[in-house]
Amino acid sequence: MPDLDIRTLALATGMILVVISLNLAYFRYTSDSMHGVGSWALATFAGAVGLWMLSLRGLWPDWLTVIVANMLLGLFAAKIYQGLRRFLGRPPRIWVTIVLVVGLGLAQVLFTYVHPSVNARIIIISLYFCGISLGCARLLARATFDQAPHNRLLLISFGALALVHATRVVYTLTATSEPTSFMTAGPFHALVILIDSALHCLVSIGLVFMCVRRMEVAMRRANAELRQLGGLLPICASCKRIRDDRGYWHQVEQYIQTHSEAEFTHGICPECMRRLYPDAADSILGPEITRDFARPEASPQP
């Protein structure tokens, strides 16, 4: 079996992330109520650009293919986490993303120019992705079904990502030699990129699936509420209030507005106008309308 080429894998994975980014962007465009999807689309695009820059390492300057590339990959992971927080209805904490990405960039500068070390850069980026993956898994584990319906696929994917990067850290720490370039780091690191790309594809699929499931749940609940207006409604024979399923009584207008999109505007019918305001009924309604709505004379009792 031929060795896996890191440069080719990075380029191919970047192309896959672009396709995923376009799909997420389209989903965001067609579903304005889904918070966080825009962050996921931006994250995957940043990851694609970062991998393309990484594939040009040795051909372009290190500040671009090492520093900027790794910062974009860090932004990719951080935006996935922030998007997940927004999707679950939690504050995004933008400052966390800024601190993480800037800190990752400074660490890459340190071990690229001050104390050059490929293994140190690999360990730092792996620890970064491991921590972000565990953070995402923790968010999903604490989410309710309403927030993240059927999230088992995502939990497994994030857990597997954390395990892969933790294994990579252990392998790098126990390595007997250090490569001179990441492009020649060996088949193990190439295999990590391959597995990492497959797992991120699963993550993206899981995120889209979670959005679709949330829309389905919302539609089912809306339909269930609308169906309440089509069944038997317990209504008071005197005041005409309606009793809900919890035993509370509501005005007809309030009940219908709560369980549908209907809105009410109030007026007064001619019959009630004649009964409540007999002095003004003739002048407002006119004699012809008054005769139409006049009550029939009571027949004499035998």
C-alpha atoms as a PDB file:
ATOM      1  CA  MET A   1       0.000   0.000   0.000  1.00  0.00           C
ATOM      2  CA  PRO A   2       1.497   3.369  -1.009  1.00  0.00           C
ATOM      3  CA  ASP A   3       2.147   5.998   1.657  1.00  0.00           C
ATOM      4  CA  LEU A   4      -0.533   8.636   2.203  1.00  0.00           C
ATOM      5  CA  ASP A   5       0.546  12.024   0.942  1.00  0.00           C
ATOM      6  CA  ILE A   6      -0.253  14.777   3.466  1.00  0.00           C
ATOM      7  CA  ARG A   7      -0.269  17.539   0.851  1.00  0.00           C
ATOM      8  CA  THR A   8      -2.807  15.725  -1.324  1.00  0.00           C
ATOM      9  CA  LEU A   9      -4.980  14.798   1.660  1.00  0.00           C
ATOM     10  CA  ALA A  10      -5.051  18.393   2.883  1.00  0.00           C
ATOM     11  CA  LEU A  11      -6.027  19.660  -0.558  1.00  0.00           C
ATOM     12  CA  ALA A  12      -8.760  17.027  -1.009  1.00  0.00           C
ATOM     13  CA  THR A  13     -10.166  17.587   2.484  1.00  0.00           C
ATOM     14  CA  GLY A  14     -10.300  21.327   1.798  1.00  0.00           C
ATOM     15  CA  MET A  15     -12.423  20.671  -1.288  1.00  0.00           C
ATOM     16  CA  ILE A  16     -14.813  18.534   0.786  1.00  0.00           C
ATOM     17  CA  LEU A  17     -15.138  21.279   3.390  1.00  0.00           C
ATOM     18  CA  VAL A  18     -16.000  23.817   0.679  1.00  0.00           C
ATOM     19  CA  VAL A  19     -18.887  21.632  -0.480  1.00  0.00           C
ATOM     20  CA  ILE A  20     -20.084  21.259   3.118  1.00  0.00           C
ATOM     21  CA  SER A  21     -19.758  25.017   3.636  1.00  0.00           C
ATOM     22  CA  LEU A  22     -21.924  25.753   0.595  1.00  0.00           C
ATOM     23  CA  ASN A  23     -24.593  23.336   1.820  1.00  0.00           C
ATOM     24  CA  LEU A  24     -24.622  24.891   5.295  1.00  0.00           C
ATOM     25  CA  ALA A  25     -24.758  28.391   3.802  1.00  0.00           C
ATOM     26  CA  TYR A  26     -27.753  27.390   1.675  1.00  0.00           C
ATOM     27  CA  PHE A  27     -29.443  25.879   4.726  1.00  0.00           C
ATOM     28  CA  ARG A  28     -28.850  29.112   6.641  1.00  0.00           C
ATOM     29  CA  TYR A  29     -30.268  31.155   3.749  1.00  0.00           C
ATOM     30  CA  THR A  30     -33.462  29.089   3.640  1.00  0.00           C
ATOM     31  CA  SER A  31     -33.877  28.768   7.437  1.00  0.00           C
ATOM     32  CA  ASP A  32     -33.514  32.134   9.148  1.00  0.00           C
ATOM     33  CA  SER A  33     -34.728  30.800  12.488  1.00  0.00           C
ATOM     34  CA  MET A  34     -31.819  28.340  12.843  1.00  0.00           C
ATOM     35  CA  HIS A  35     -29.243  30.217  14.885  1.00  0.00           C
ATOM     36  CA  GLY A  36     -25.673  28.996  14.625  1.00  0.00           C
ATOM     37  CA  VAL A  37     -25.848  27.532  11.114  1.00  0.00           C
ATOM     38  CA  GLY A  38     -24.141  30.622   9.686  1.00  0.00           C
ATOM     39  CA  SER A  39     -21.247  30.098  12.119  1.00  0.00           C
ATOM     40  CA  TRP A  40     -20.917  26.504  10.948  1.00  0.00           C
ATOM     41  CA  ALA A  41     -20.846  27.588   7.305  1.00  0.00           C
ATOM     42  CA  LEU A  42     -18.119  30.152   8.052  1.00  0.00           C
ATOM     43  CA  ALA A  43     -16.217  27.578  10.118  1.00  0.00           C
ATOM     44  CA  THR A  44     -16.073  24.979   7.349  1.00  0.00           C
ATOM     45  CA  PHE A  45     -14.974  27.574   4.803  1.00  0.00           C
ATOM     46  CA  ALA A  46     -12.204  28.794   7.121  1.00  0.00           C
ATOM     47  CA  GLY A  47     -11.121  25.185   7.602  1.00  0.00           C
ATOM     48  CA  ALA A  48     -11.006  24.654   3.842  1.00  0.00           C
ATOM     49  CA  VAL A  49      -8.820  27.723   3.283  1.00  0.00           C
ATOM     50  CA  GLY A  50      -6.575  26.670   6.169  1.00  0.00           C
ATOM     51  CA  LEU A  51      -6.065  23.209   4.678  1.00  0.00           C
ATOM     52  CA  TRP A  52      -5.335  24.667   1.241  1.00  0.00           C
ATOM     53  CA  MET A  53      -2.675  26.885   2.768  1.00  0.00           C
ATOM     54  CA  LEU A  54      -1.295  23.912   4.680  1.00  0.00           C
ATOM     55  CA  SER A  55      -1.008  21.928   1.433  1.00  0.00           C
ATOM     56  CA  LEU A  56       1.282  24.686   0.058  1.00  0.00           C
ATOM     57  CA  ARG A  57       3.739  24.400   2.949  1.00  0.00           C
ATOM     58  CA  GLY A  58       7.278  24.490   1.627  1.00  0.00           C
ATOM     59  CA  LEU A  59       6.101  26.302  -1.483  1.00  0.00           C
ATOM     60  CA  TRP A  60       4.781  29.477   0.167  1.00  0.00           C
ATOM     61  CA  PRO A  61       6.234  31.360   3.202  1.00  0.00           C
ATOM     62  CA  ASP A  62       5.913  29.755   6.644  1.00  0.00           C
ATOM     63  CA  TRP A  63       4.036  32.732   8.109  1.00  0.00           C
ATOM     64  CA  LEU A  64       1.236  31.978   5.659  1.00  0.00           C
ATOM     65  CA  THR A  65       1.269  28.172   5.498  1.00  0.00           C
ATOM     66  CA  VAL A  66       2.020  27.608   9.188  1.00  0.00           C
ATOM     67  CA  ILE A  67       0.834  30.586  11.233  1.00  0.00           C
ATOM     68  CA  VAL A  68      -2.194  31.731   9.216  1.00  0.00           C
ATOM     69  CA  ALA A  69      -3.136  28.194   8.164  1.00  0.00           C
ATOM     70  CA  ASN A  70      -3.217  26.897  11.734  1.00  0.00           C
ATOM     71  CA  MET A  71      -5.098  29.972  12.943  1.00  0.00           C
ATOM     72  CA  LEU A  72      -7.753  29.335  10.286  1.00  0.00           C
ATOM     73  CA  LEU A  73      -7.986  25.716  11.386  1.00  0.00           C
ATOM     74  CA  GLY A  74      -8.323  26.940  14.958  1.00  0.00           C
ATOM     75  CA  LEU A  75     -11.059  29.343  13.859  1.00  0.00           C
ATOM     76  CA  PHE A  76     -12.784  26.405  12.171  1.00  0.00           C
ATOM     77  CA  ALA A  77     -13.007  24.442  15.436  1.00  0.00           C
ATOM     78  CA  ALA A  78     -13.889  27.483  17.568  1.00  0.00           C
ATOM     79  CA  LYS A  79     -16.724  28.592  15.249  1.00  0.00           C
ATOM     80  CA  ILE A  80     -18.203  25.080  15.310  1.00  0.00           C
ATOM     81  CA  TYR A  81     -18.296  25.353  19.107  1.00  0.00           C
ATOM     82  CA  GLN A  82     -19.719  28.892  19.092  1.00  0.00           C
ATOM     83  CA  GLY A  83     -22.328  27.960  16.494  1.00  0.00           C
ATOM     84  CA  LEU A  84     -23.388  25.031  18.640  1.00  0.00           C
ATOM     85  CA  ARG A  85     -23.801  27.355  21.628  1.00  0.00           C
ATOM     86  CA  ARG A  86     -26.007  29.683  19.585  1.00  0.00           C
ATOM     87  CA  PHE A  87     -28.042  26.759  18.247  1.00  0.00           C
ATOM     88  CA  LEU A  88     -28.689  25.603  21.812  1.00  0.00           C
ATOM     89  CA  GLY A  89     -29.784  29.104  22.851  1.00  0.00           C
ATOM     90  CA  ARG A  90     -26.664  30.001  24.832  1.00  0.00           C
ATOM     91  CA  PRO A  91     -24.554  33.181  24.527  1.00  0.00           C
ATOM     92  CA  PRO A  92     -21.784  32.667  21.922  1.00  0.00           C
ATOM     93  CA  ARG A  93     -18.884  34.076  24.000  1.00  0.00           C
ATOM     94  CA  ILE A  94     -17.008  35.662  21.105  1.00  0.00           C
ATOM     95  CA  TRP A  95     -14.119  36.599  23.378  1.00  0.00           C
ATOM     96  CA  VAL A  96     -13.376  32.896  23.913  1.00  0.00           C
ATOM     97  CA  THR A  97     -12.939  32.424  20.162  1.00  0.00           C
ATOM     98  CA  ILE A  98     -10.631  35.438  19.929  1.00  0.00           C
ATOM     99  CA  VAL A  99      -8.478  34.298  22.865  1.00  0.00           C
ATOM    100  CA  LEU A 100      -8.213  30.729  21.580  1.00  0.00           C
ATOM    101  CA  VAL A 101      -7.344  31.648  17.993  1.00  0.00           C
ATOM    102  CA  VAL A 102      -4.865  34.374  18.970  1.00  0.00           C
ATOM    103  CA  GLY A 103      -3.261  32.087  21.555  1.00  0.00           C
ATOM    104  CA  LEU A 104      -2.948  29.324  18.991  1.00  0.00           C
ATOM    105  CA  GLY A 105      -1.334  31.748  16.545  1.00  0.00           C
ATOM    106  CA  LEU A 106       1.194  32.962  19.131  1.00  0.00           C
ATOM    107  CA  ALA A 107       2.097  29.379  20.007  1.00  0.00           C
ATOM    108  CA  GLN A 108       2.667  28.619  16.332  1.00  0.00           C
ATOM    109  CA  VAL A 109       4.914  31.685  16.028  1.00  0.00           C
ATOM    110  CA  LEU A 110       6.893  30.539  19.076  1.00  0.00           C
ATOM    111  CA  PHE A 111       7.548  27.053  17.727  1.00  0.00           C
ATOM    112  CA  THR A 112       8.114  28.176  14.143  1.00  0.00           C
ATOM    113  CA  TYR A 113      10.571  31.055  14.569  1.00  0.00           C
ATOM    114  CA  VAL A 114      11.747  31.223  18.216  1.00  0.00           C
ATOM    115  CA  HIS A 115      12.071  27.522  19.122  1.00  0.00           C
ATOM    116  CA  PRO A 116      11.376  25.633  15.866  1.00  0.00           C
ATOM    117  CA  SER A 117       9.677  22.310  16.563  1.00  0.00           C
ATOM    118  CA  VAL A 118       7.280  20.433  14.292  1.00  0.00           C
ATOM    119  CA  ASN A 119       6.290  18.052  17.084  1.00  0.00           C
ATOM    120  CA  ALA A 120       5.431  20.943  19.411  1.00  0.00           C
ATOM    121  CA  ARG A 121       3.184  22.488  16.765  1.00  0.00           C
ATOM    122  CA  ILE A 122       1.464  19.125  16.203  1.00  0.00           C
ATOM    123  CA  ILE A 123       0.893  18.641  19.939  1.00  0.00           C
ATOM    124  CA  ILE A 124      -0.535  22.143  20.385  1.00  0.00           C
ATOM    125  CA  ILE A 125      -2.964  21.914  17.470  1.00  0.00           C
ATOM    126  CA  SER A 126      -4.015  18.395  18.559  1.00  0.00           C
ATOM    127  CA  LEU A 127      -4.657  19.516  22.145  1.00  0.00           C
ATOM    128  CA  TYR A 128      -6.629  22.463  20.768  1.00  0.00           C
ATOM    129  CA  PHE A 129      -8.890  20.240  18.648  1.00  0.00           C
ATOM    130  CA  CYS A 130      -9.215  17.701  21.467  1.00  0.00           C
ATOM    131  CA  GLY A 131     -10.403  20.396  23.883  1.00  0.00           C
ATOM    132  CA  ILE A 132     -12.872  21.915  21.414  1.00  0.00           C
ATOM    133  CA  SER A 133     -14.305  18.471  20.575  1.00  0.00           C
ATOM    134  CA  LEU A 134     -14.776  17.661  24.262  1.00  0.00           C
ATOM    135  CA  GLY A 135     -16.432  21.061  24.776  1.00  0.00           C
ATOM    136  CA  CYS A 136     -18.899  20.379  21.935  1.00  0.00           C
ATOM    137  CA  ALA A 137     -19.641  16.896  23.301  1.00  0.00           C
ATOM    138  CA  ARG A 138     -20.277  18.394  26.746  1.00  0.00           C
ATOM    139  CA  LEU A 139     -22.723  20.942  25.304  1.00  0.00           C
ATOM    140  CA  LEU A 140     -24.650  18.230  23.484  1.00  0.00           C
ATOM    141  CA  ALA A 141     -24.674  15.907  26.507  1.00  0.00           C
ATOM    142  CA  ARG A 142     -26.305  18.646  28.617  1.00  0.00           C
ATOM    143  CA  ALA A 143     -28.793  19.734  25.922  1.00  0.00           C
ATOM    144  CA  THR A 144     -32.465  18.820  26.106  1.00  0.00           C
ATOM    145  CA  PHE A 145     -34.348  17.089  23.299  1.00  0.00           C
ATOM    146  CA  ASP A 146     -36.000  20.392  22.349  1.00  0.00           C
ATOM    147  CA  GLN A 147     -32.580  22.027  21.919  1.00  0.00           C
ATOM    148  CA  ALA A 148     -30.798  19.218  20.074  1.00  0.00           C
ATOM    149  CA  PRO A 149     -33.086  16.345  19.019  1.00  0.00           C
ATOM    150  CA  HIS A 150     -31.372  13.029  18.188  1.00  0.00           C
ATOM    151  CA  ASN A 151     -27.791  14.187  18.782  1.00  0.00           C
ATOM    152  CA  ARG A 152     -26.226  10.732  19.246  1.00  0.00           C
ATOM    153  CA  LEU A 153     -24.375  10.926  15.920  1.00  0.00           C
ATOM    154  CA  LEU A 154     -22.802  14.224  16.909  1.00  0.00           C
ATOM    155  CA  LEU A 155     -21.847  12.968  20.357  1.00  0.00           C
ATOM    156  CA  ILE A 156     -20.082   9.945  18.863  1.00  0.00           C
ATOM    157  CA  SER A 157     -18.358  12.074  16.210  1.00  0.00           C
ATOM    158  CA  PHE A 158     -17.051  14.665  18.676  1.00  0.00           C
ATOM    159  CA  GLY A 159     -15.960  11.930  21.061  1.00  0.00           C
ATOM    160  CA  ALA A 160     -14.103  10.151  18.265  1.00  0.00           C
ATOM    161  CA  LEU A 161     -12.414  13.423  17.244  1.00  0.00           C
ATOM    162  CA  ALA A 162     -11.210  13.981  20.793  1.00  0.00           C
ATOM    163  CA  LEU A 163      -9.895  10.412  20.952  1.00  0.00           C
ATOM    164  CA  VAL A 164      -8.063  10.698  17.620  1.00  0.00           C
ATOM    165  CA  HIS A 165      -6.300  13.913  18.600  1.00  0.00           C
ATOM    166  CA  ALA A 166      -5.481  12.620  22.084  1.00  0.00           C
ATOM    167  CA  THR A 167      -3.900   9.558  20.457  1.00  0.00           C
ATOM    168  CA  ARG A 168      -1.956  11.844  18.160  1.00  0.00           C
ATOM    169  CA  VAL A 169      -0.597  13.763  21.163  1.00  0.00           C
ATOM    170  CA  VAL A 170       0.561  10.551  22.846  1.00  0.00           C
ATOM    171  CA  TYR A 171       2.158   9.277  19.622  1.00  0.00           C
ATOM    172  CA  THR A 172       4.015  12.556  19.061  1.00  0.00           C
ATOM    173  CA  LEU A 173       5.234  12.752  22.662  1.00  0.00           C
ATOM    174  CA  THR A 174       6.649   9.220  22.481  1.00  0.00           C
ATOM    175  CA  ALA A 175       8.200   9.634  19.019  1.00  0.00           C
ATOM    176  CA  THR A 176      11.928   8.893  18.921  1.00  0.00           C
ATOM    177  CA  SER A 177      12.627  11.400  16.168  1.00  0.00           C
ATOM    178  CA  GLU A 178      11.257  14.714  15.002  1.00  0.00           C
ATOM    179  CA  PRO A 179      10.437  15.430  11.356  1.00  0.00           C
ATOM    180  CA  THR A 180      11.965  18.443   9.676  1.00  0.00           C
ATOM    181  CA  SER A 181       8.639  19.342   8.062  1.00  0.00           C
ATOM    182  CA  PHE A 182       5.007  18.464   8.624  1.00  0.00           C
ATOM    183  CA  MET A 183       4.798  17.336   5.003  1.00  0.00           C
ATOM    184  CA  THR A 184       7.255  14.536   5.877  1.00  0.00           C
ATOM    185  CA  ALA A 185       5.819  13.758   9.324  1.00  0.00           C
ATOM    186  CA  GLY A 186       5.004  10.187   8.291  1.00  0.00           C
ATOM    187  CA  PRO A 187       2.020   7.956   7.485  1.00  0.00           C
ATOM    188  CA  PHE A 188       0.523   8.169  10.997  1.00  0.00           C
ATOM    189  CA  HIS A 189      -0.096  11.912  10.762  1.00  0.00           C
ATOM    190  CA  ALA A 190      -1.416  11.480   7.230  1.00  0.00           C
ATOM    191  CA  LEU A 191      -3.822   8.856   8.535  1.00  0.00           C
ATOM    192  CA  VAL A 192      -4.926  11.268  11.265  1.00  0.00           C
ATOM    193  CA  ILE A 193      -5.792  13.875   8.614  1.00  0.00           C
ATOM    194  CA  LEU A 194      -7.782  11.262   6.690  1.00  0.00           C
ATOM    195  CA  ILE A 195      -9.738  10.117   9.766  1.00  0.00           C
ATOM    196  CA  ASP A 196     -10.166  13.717  10.917  1.00  0.00           C
ATOM    197  CA  SER A 197     -11.695  14.741   7.590  1.00  0.00           C
ATOM    198  CA  ALA A 198     -14.109  11.784   7.669  1.00  0.00           C
ATOM    199  CA  LEU A 199     -15.196  12.613  11.217  1.00  0.00           C
ATOM    200  CA  HIS A 200     -15.712  16.286  10.381  1.00  0.00           C
ATOM    201  CA  CYS A 201     -17.918  15.207   7.480  1.00  0.00           C
ATOM    202  CA  LEU A 202     -19.954  13.201   9.995  1.00  0.00           C
ATOM    203  CA  VAL A 203     -20.095  16.237  12.274  1.00  0.00           C
ATOM    204  CA  SER A 204     -21.410  18.410   9.436  1.00  0.00           C
ATOM    205  CA  ILE A 205     -24.013  15.813   8.494  1.00  0.00           C
ATOM    206  CA  GLY A 206     -25.022  15.531  12.137  1.00  0.00           C
ATOM    207  CA  LEU A 207     -25.415  19.307  12.460  1.00  0.00           C
ATOM    208  CA  VAL A 208     -27.662  19.488   9.394  1.00  0.00           C
ATOM    209  CA  PHE A 209     -29.651  16.468  10.572  1.00  0.00           C
ATOM    210  CA  MET A 210     -30.126  18.091  13.979  1.00  0.00           C
ATOM    211  CA  CYS A 211     -31.479  21.251  12.310  1.00  0.00           C
ATOM    212  CA  VAL A 212     -33.912  19.220  10.211  1.00  0.00           C
ATOM    213  CA  ARG A 213     -35.093  17.277  13.244  1.00  0.00           C
ATOM    214  CA  ARG A 214     -35.693  20.488  15.191  1.00  0.00           C
ATOM    215  CA  MET A 215     -37.807  21.836  12.324  1.00  0.00           C
ATOM    216  CA  GLU A 216     -39.800  18.586  12.231  1.00  0.00           C
ATOM    217  CA  VAL A 217     -40.453  18.706  15.981  1.00  0.00           C
ATOM    218  CA  ALA A 218     -41.556  22.345  15.763  1.00  0.00           C
ATOM    219  CA  MET A 219     -43.909  21.585  12.866  1.00  0.00           C
ATOM    220  CA  ARG A 220     -45.429  18.613  14.665  1.00  0.00           C
ATOM    221  CA  ARG A 221     -46.109  20.687  17.767  1.00  0.00           C
ATOM    222  CA  ALA A 222     -47.613  23.478  15.693  1.00  0.00           C
ATOM    223  CA  ASN A 223     -49.868  20.994  13.904  1.00  0.00           C
ATOM    224  CA  ALA A 224     -50.864  19.468  17.239  1.00  0.00           C
ATOM    225  CA  GLU A 225     -51.882  22.898  18.556  1.00  0.00           C
ATOM    226  CA  LEU A 226     -53.844  23.652  15.406  1.00  0.00           C
ATOM    227  CA  ARG A 227     -55.643  20.323  15.641  1.00  0.00           C
ATOM    228  CA  GLN A 228     -56.986  21.386  19.032  1.00  0.00           C
ATOM    229  CA  LEU A 229     -59.263  23.851  17.226  1.00  0.00           C
ATOM    230  CA  GLY A 230     -60.681  21.052  15.086  1.00  0.00           C
ATOM    231  CA  GLY A 231     -61.816  18.781  17.918  1.00  0.00           C
ATOM    232  CA  LEU A 232     -64.284  19.112  20.762  1.00  0.00           C
ATOM    233  CA  LEU A 233     -63.747  22.301  22.760  1.00  0.00           C
ATOM    234  CA  PRO A 234     -65.165  22.447  26.308  1.00  0.00           C
ATOM    235  CA  ILE A 235     -66.952  25.800  26.397  1.00  0.00           C
ATOM    236  CA  CYS A 236     -68.964  27.361  29.188  1.00  0.00           C
ATOM    237  CA  ALA A 237     -72.688  27.522  28.343  1.00  0.00           C
ATOM    238  CA  SER A 238     -73.018  30.870  30.117  1.00  0.00           C
ATOM    239  CA  CYS A 239     -69.870  32.994  29.668  1.00  0.00           C
ATOM    240  CA  LYS A 240     -68.580  31.108  26.593  1.00  0.00           C
ATOM    241  CA  ARG A 241     -65.048  30.688  27.989  1.00  0.00           C
ATOM    242  CA  ILE A 242     -63.035  27.695  26.736  1.00  0.00           C
ATOM    243  CA  ARG A 243     -61.207  25.265  29.056  1.00  0.00           C
ATOM    244  CA  ASP A 244     -57.672  24.217  28.041  1.00  0.00           C
ATOM    245  CA  ASP A 245     -56.021  20.852  28.712  1.00  0.00           C
ATOM    246  CA  ARG A 246     -54.681  22.117  32.080  1.00  0.00           C
ATOM    247  CA  GLY A 247     -58.099  23.060  33.372  1.00  0.00           C
ATOM    248  CA  TYR A 248     -57.792  26.847  32.959  1.00  0.00           C
ATOM    249  CA  TRP A 249     -60.623  28.853  31.404  1.00  0.00           C
ATOM    250  CA  HIS A 250     -59.859  31.448  28.699  1.00  0.00           C
ATOM    251  CA  GLN A 251     -61.803  33.954  26.680  1.00  0.00           C
ATOM    252  CA  VAL A 252     -62.595  32.706  23.170  1.00  0.00           C
ATOM    253  CA  GLU A 253     -60.353  35.363  21.609  1.00  0.00           C
ATOM    254  CA  GLN A 254     -57.429  34.521  23.877  1.00  0.00           C
ATOM    255  CA  TYR A 255     -57.713  30.774  23.263  1.00  0.00           C
ATOM    256  CA  ILE A 256     -57.871  31.062  19.484  1.00  0.00           C
ATOM    257  CA  GLN A 257     -54.990  33.551  19.344  1.00  0.00           C
ATOM    258  CA  THR A 258     -52.858  31.206  21.486  1.00  0.00           C
ATOM    259  CA  HIS A 259     -53.564  28.134  19.362  1.00  0.00           C
ATOM    260  CA  SER A 260     -53.558  29.706  15.904  1.00  0.00           C
ATOM    261  CA  GLU A 261     -52.293  32.696  13.956  1.00  0.00           C
ATOM    262  CA  ALA A 262     -55.690  34.392  13.897  1.00  0.00           C
ATOM    263  CA  GLU A 263     -56.062  37.948  15.199  1.00  0.00           C
ATOM    264  CA  PHE A 264     -59.250  39.651  16.348  1.00  0.00           C
ATOM    265  CA  THR A 265     -60.757  43.067  15.777  1.00  0.00           C
ATOM    266  CA  HIS A 266     -63.874  44.000  17.705  1.00  0.00           C
ATOM    267  CA  GLY A 267     -67.119  45.558  16.590  1.00  0.00           C
ATOM    268  CA  ILE A 268     -70.815  45.229  17.469  1.00  0.00           C
ATOM    269  CA  CYS A 269     -73.506  43.474  15.464  1.00  0.00           C
ATOM    270  CA  PRO A 270     -76.802  45.235  14.618  1.00  0.00           C
ATOM    271  CA  GLU A 271     -78.834  43.036  16.974  1.00  0.00           C
ATOM    272  CA  CYS A 272     -76.597  43.814  19.948  1.00  0.00           C
ATOM    273  CA  MET A 273     -76.556  47.482  18.930  1.00  0.00           C
ATOM    274  CA  ARG A 274     -80.365  47.549  19.063  1.00  0.00           C
ATOM    275  CA  ARG A 275     -80.449  45.704  22.403  1.00  0.00           C
ATOM    276  CA  LEU A 276     -77.680  47.676  24.146  1.00  0.00           C
ATOM    277  CA  TYR A 277     -78.155  51.106  22.557  1.00  0.00           C
ATOM    278  CA  PRO A 278     -81.800  51.324  21.428  1.00  0.00           C
ATOM    279  CA  ASP A 279     -81.781  55.121  21.360  1.00  0.00           C
ATOM    280  CA  ALA A 280     -78.882  55.282  18.910  1.00  0.00           C
ATOM    281  CA  ALA A 281     -79.689  52.153  16.865  1.00  0.00           C
ATOM    282  CA  ASP A 282     -82.138  53.827  14.439  1.00  0.00           C
ATOM    283  CA  SER A 283     -79.795  56.720  13.665  1.00  0.00           C
ATOM    284  CA  ILE A 284     -76.749  54.470  13.202  1.00  0.00           C
ATOM    285  CA  LEU A 285     -78.265  51.461  11.452  1.00  0.00           C
ATOM    286  CA  GLY A 286     -81.112  53.106   9.587  1.00  0.00           C
ATOM    287  CA  PRO A 287     -84.730  52.005   9.501  1.00  0.00           C
ATOM    288  CA  GLU A 288     -84.278  49.345   6.825  1.00  0.00           C
ATOM    289  CA  ILE A 289     -81.488  47.557   8.705  1.00  0.00           C
ATOM    290  CA  THR A 290     -83.405  48.022  11.932  1.00  0.00           C
ATOM    291  CA  ARG A 291     -86.456  46.268  10.461  1.00  0.00           C
ATOM    292  CA  ASP A 292     -84.252  43.434   9.182  1.00  0.00           C
ATOM    293  CA  PHE A 293     -82.898  42.772  12.644  1.00  0.00           C
ATOM    294  CA  ALA A 294     -86.038  43.670  14.622  1.00  0.00           C
ATOM    295  CA  ARG A 295     -87.167  40.962  16.967  1.00  0.00           C
ATOM    296  CA  PRO A 296     -90.579  39.436  16.086  1.00  0.00           C
ATOM    297  CA  GLU A 297     -93.482  40.463  18.267  1.00  0.00           C
ATOM    298  CA  ALA A 298     -94.323  37.934  20.932  1.00  0.00           C
ATOM    299  CA  SER A 299     -97.498  36.069  20.121  1.00  0.00           C
ATOM    300  CA  PRO A 300    -100.316  36.513  22.623  1.00  0.00           C
ATOM    301  CA  GLN A 301    -100.787  33.760  25.125  1.00  0.00           C
ATOM    302  CA  PRO A 302    -103.884  31.719  24.530  1.00  0.00           C
END
